[in-house]
C-alpha atoms as a PDB file:
ATOM      1  CA  MET A   1      -0.788 -19.562  -4.546  1.00  0.00           C
ATOM      2  CA  LYS A   2       0.667 -23.066  -4.161  1.00  0.00           C
ATOM      3  CA  GLY A   3       0.569 -25.664  -6.286  1.00  0.00           C
ATOM      4  CA  ASN A   4      -2.535 -27.039  -7.997  1.00  0.00           C
ATOM      5  CA  GLN A   5      -5.124 -24.743  -6.262  1.00  0.00           C
ATOM      6  CA  THR A   6      -7.952 -23.399  -8.597  1.00  0.00           C
ATOM      7  CA  LEU A   7     -10.181 -20.194  -7.614  1.00  0.00           C
ATOM      8  CA  ILE A   8     -13.237 -22.548  -8.715  1.00  0.00           C
ATOM      9  CA  ASP A   9     -15.582 -23.007  -5.542  1.00  0.00           C
ATOM     10  CA  LYS A  10     -13.873 -20.476  -3.485  1.00  0.00           C
ATOM     11  CA  GLU A  11     -16.143 -18.576  -1.419  1.00  0.00           C
ATOM     12  CA  VAL A  12     -16.077 -14.872  -2.136  1.00  0.00           C
ATOM     13  CA  ILE A  13     -16.366 -12.265   0.796  1.00  0.00           C
ATOM     14  CA  ASN A  14     -16.162  -8.529   0.482  1.00  0.00           C
ATOM     15  CA  ILE A  15     -14.113  -6.979   3.119  1.00  0.00           C
ATOM     16  CA  ARG A  16     -16.221  -3.756   3.350  1.00  0.00           C
ATOM     17  CA  ASP A  17     -19.028  -5.753   4.655  1.00  0.00           C
ATOM     18  CA  GLY A  18     -18.408  -8.995   5.146  1.00  0.00           C
ATOM     19  CA  ALA A  19     -20.793  -9.920   2.754  1.00  0.00           C
ATOM     20  CA  ARG A  20     -20.985 -13.427   1.011  1.00  0.00           C
ATOM     21  CA  LEU A  21     -21.019 -12.854  -2.591  1.00  0.00           C
ATOM     22  CA  GLY A  22     -21.362 -16.556  -3.835  1.00  0.00           C
ATOM     23  CA  ARG A  23     -18.787 -19.027  -5.021  1.00  0.00           C
ATOM     24  CA  VAL A  24     -16.344 -18.704  -7.931  1.00  0.00           C
ATOM     25  CA  GLU A  25     -18.064 -20.443 -11.034  1.00  0.00           C
ATOM     26  CA  ASP A  26     -15.872 -19.041 -13.333  1.00  0.00           C
ATOM     27  CA  VAL A  27     -13.007 -16.753 -14.957  1.00  0.00           C
ATOM     28  CA  ILE A  28     -12.798 -14.176 -17.654  1.00  0.00           C
ATOM     29  CA  VAL A  29      -9.269 -14.186 -19.435  1.00  0.00           C
ATOM     30  CA  ASP A  30      -7.673 -12.402 -21.740  1.00  0.00           C
ATOM     31  CA  CYS A  31      -6.739 -14.686 -24.433  1.00  0.00           C
ATOM     32  CA  GLY A  32      -4.066 -12.914 -25.759  1.00  0.00           C
ATOM     33  CA  CYS A  33      -1.967 -12.064 -22.932  1.00  0.00           C
ATOM     34  CA  GLY A  34      -3.699 -14.856 -20.371  1.00  0.00           C
ATOM     35  CA  MET A  35      -4.530 -12.484 -17.568  1.00  0.00           C
ATOM     36  CA  ILE A  36      -7.359 -12.532 -15.683  1.00  0.00           C
ATOM     37  CA  HIS A  37     -10.010  -9.773 -16.074  1.00  0.00           C
ATOM     38  CA  GLN A  38     -12.981 -10.630 -13.636  1.00  0.00           C
ATOM     39  CA  ILE A  39     -13.976 -13.474 -11.687  1.00  0.00           C
ATOM     40  CA  ILE A  40     -17.793 -14.496 -11.515  1.00  0.00           C
ATOM     41  CA  ALA A  41     -19.491 -15.527  -8.194  1.00  0.00           C
ATOM     42  CA  VAL A  42     -22.838 -17.359  -7.882  1.00  0.00           C
ATOM     43  CA  ALA A  43     -24.621 -16.859  -5.079  1.00  0.00           C
ATOM     44  CA  MET A  44     -27.715 -19.745  -5.064  1.00  0.00           C
ATOM     45  CA  LYS A  45     -31.309 -17.590  -3.434  1.00  0.00           C
ATOM     46  CA  GLY A  46     -33.540 -20.224  -1.978  1.00  0.00           C
ATOM     47  CA  ILE A  47     -34.792 -23.053  -0.092  1.00  0.00           C
ATOM     48  CA  PHE A  48     -34.176 -26.244  -2.923  1.00  0.00           C
ATOM     49  CA  SER A  49     -31.938 -26.226  -5.463  1.00  0.00           C
ATOM     50  CA  VAL A  50     -34.728 -26.762  -7.943  1.00  0.00           C
ATOM     51  CA  PHE A  51     -36.138 -23.680  -7.007  1.00  0.00           C
ATOM     52  CA  CYS A  52     -33.587 -21.476  -6.655  1.00  0.00           C
ATOM     53  CA  LYS A  53     -32.526 -17.677  -8.315  1.00  0.00           C
ATOM     54  CA  ARG A  54     -28.874 -17.960  -9.379  1.00  0.00           C
ATOM     55  CA  ASP A  55     -27.482 -14.659  -8.460  1.00  0.00           C
ATOM     56  CA  LYS A  56     -24.135 -13.809 -10.397  1.00  0.00           C
ATOM     57  CA  ARG A  57     -21.582 -10.959  -9.796  1.00  0.00           C
ATOM     58  CA  PHE A  58     -18.894 -10.368 -12.370  1.00  0.00           C
ATOM     59  CA  ILE A  59     -16.105  -9.091  -9.789  1.00  0.00           C
ATOM     60  CA  ASN A  60     -13.015  -7.098 -11.858  1.00  0.00           C
ATOM     61  CA  TRP A  61      -9.474  -8.935 -10.540  1.00  0.00           C
ATOM     62  CA  CYS A  62      -8.292  -5.387  -9.433  1.00  0.00           C
ATOM     63  CA  SER A  63     -10.962  -5.542  -6.327  1.00  0.00           C
ATOM     64  CA  VAL A  64      -9.162  -9.240  -5.432  1.00  0.00           C
ATOM     65  CA  VAL A  65      -7.171  -8.229  -2.148  1.00  0.00           C
ATOM     66  CA  LYS A  66      -6.172 -11.648  -1.099  1.00  0.00           C
ATOM     67  CA  ILE A  67      -6.572 -15.473  -1.776  1.00  0.00           C
ATOM     68  CA  GLY A  68      -6.984 -17.997   0.799  1.00  0.00           C
ATOM     69  CA  ASP A  69      -7.286 -21.691   0.603  1.00  0.00           C
ATOM     70  CA  ASP A  70     -10.943 -21.741   1.051  1.00  0.00           C
ATOM     71  CA  ILE A  71     -12.134 -17.831   0.046  1.00  0.00           C
ATOM     72  CA  ILE A  72     -11.455 -15.079  -1.688  1.00  0.00           C
ATOM     73  CA  LEU A  73     -11.371 -11.654  -0.024  1.00  0.00           C
ATOM     74  CA  VAL A  74     -12.550  -8.566  -2.097  1.00  0.00           C
ATOM     75  CA  ASP A  75     -13.046  -4.627  -1.494  1.00  0.00           C
ATOM     76  CA  MET A  76     -15.983  -3.373  -3.847  1.00  0.00           C
ATOM     77  CA  ASP A  77     -18.233  -0.670  -3.124  1.00  0.00           C
ATOM     78  CA  GLY A  78     -22.410  -0.975  -3.092  1.00  0.00           C
ATOM     79  CA  PHE A  79     -22.117   0.749  -6.619  1.00  0.00           C
ATOM     80  CA  GLU A  80     -19.673  -1.814  -7.750  1.00  0.00           C
ATOM     81  CA  LEU A  81     -21.660  -4.614  -6.514  1.00  0.00           C
ATOM     82  CA  LYS A  82     -24.659  -3.200  -8.531  1.00  0.00           C
ATOM     83  CA  LYS A  83     -23.345  -2.571 -11.572  1.00  0.00           C
ATOM     84  CA  GLY A  84     -21.914  -6.279 -11.631  1.00  0.00           C
ATOM     85  CA  LYS A  85     -24.929  -8.118 -11.694  1.00  0.00           C
END
């Protein structure tokens, strides 16, 4: 990544089916070595923010394929997506 970019708020897209998995809300980092283990993507489901359901997905760092300026591409199958909820 160039300069001062952050992962937070980037949209996560699954390259297997083109599904939008949500926006990065947080990352899980190993404090001992400083490596990222997972990113947490949150998708809002609903019409109004008050009544929205927040769908969290925990995505292993090894599933990340490419990080762009606005999106993060991941390669995950259906089993990994269900397991991450």
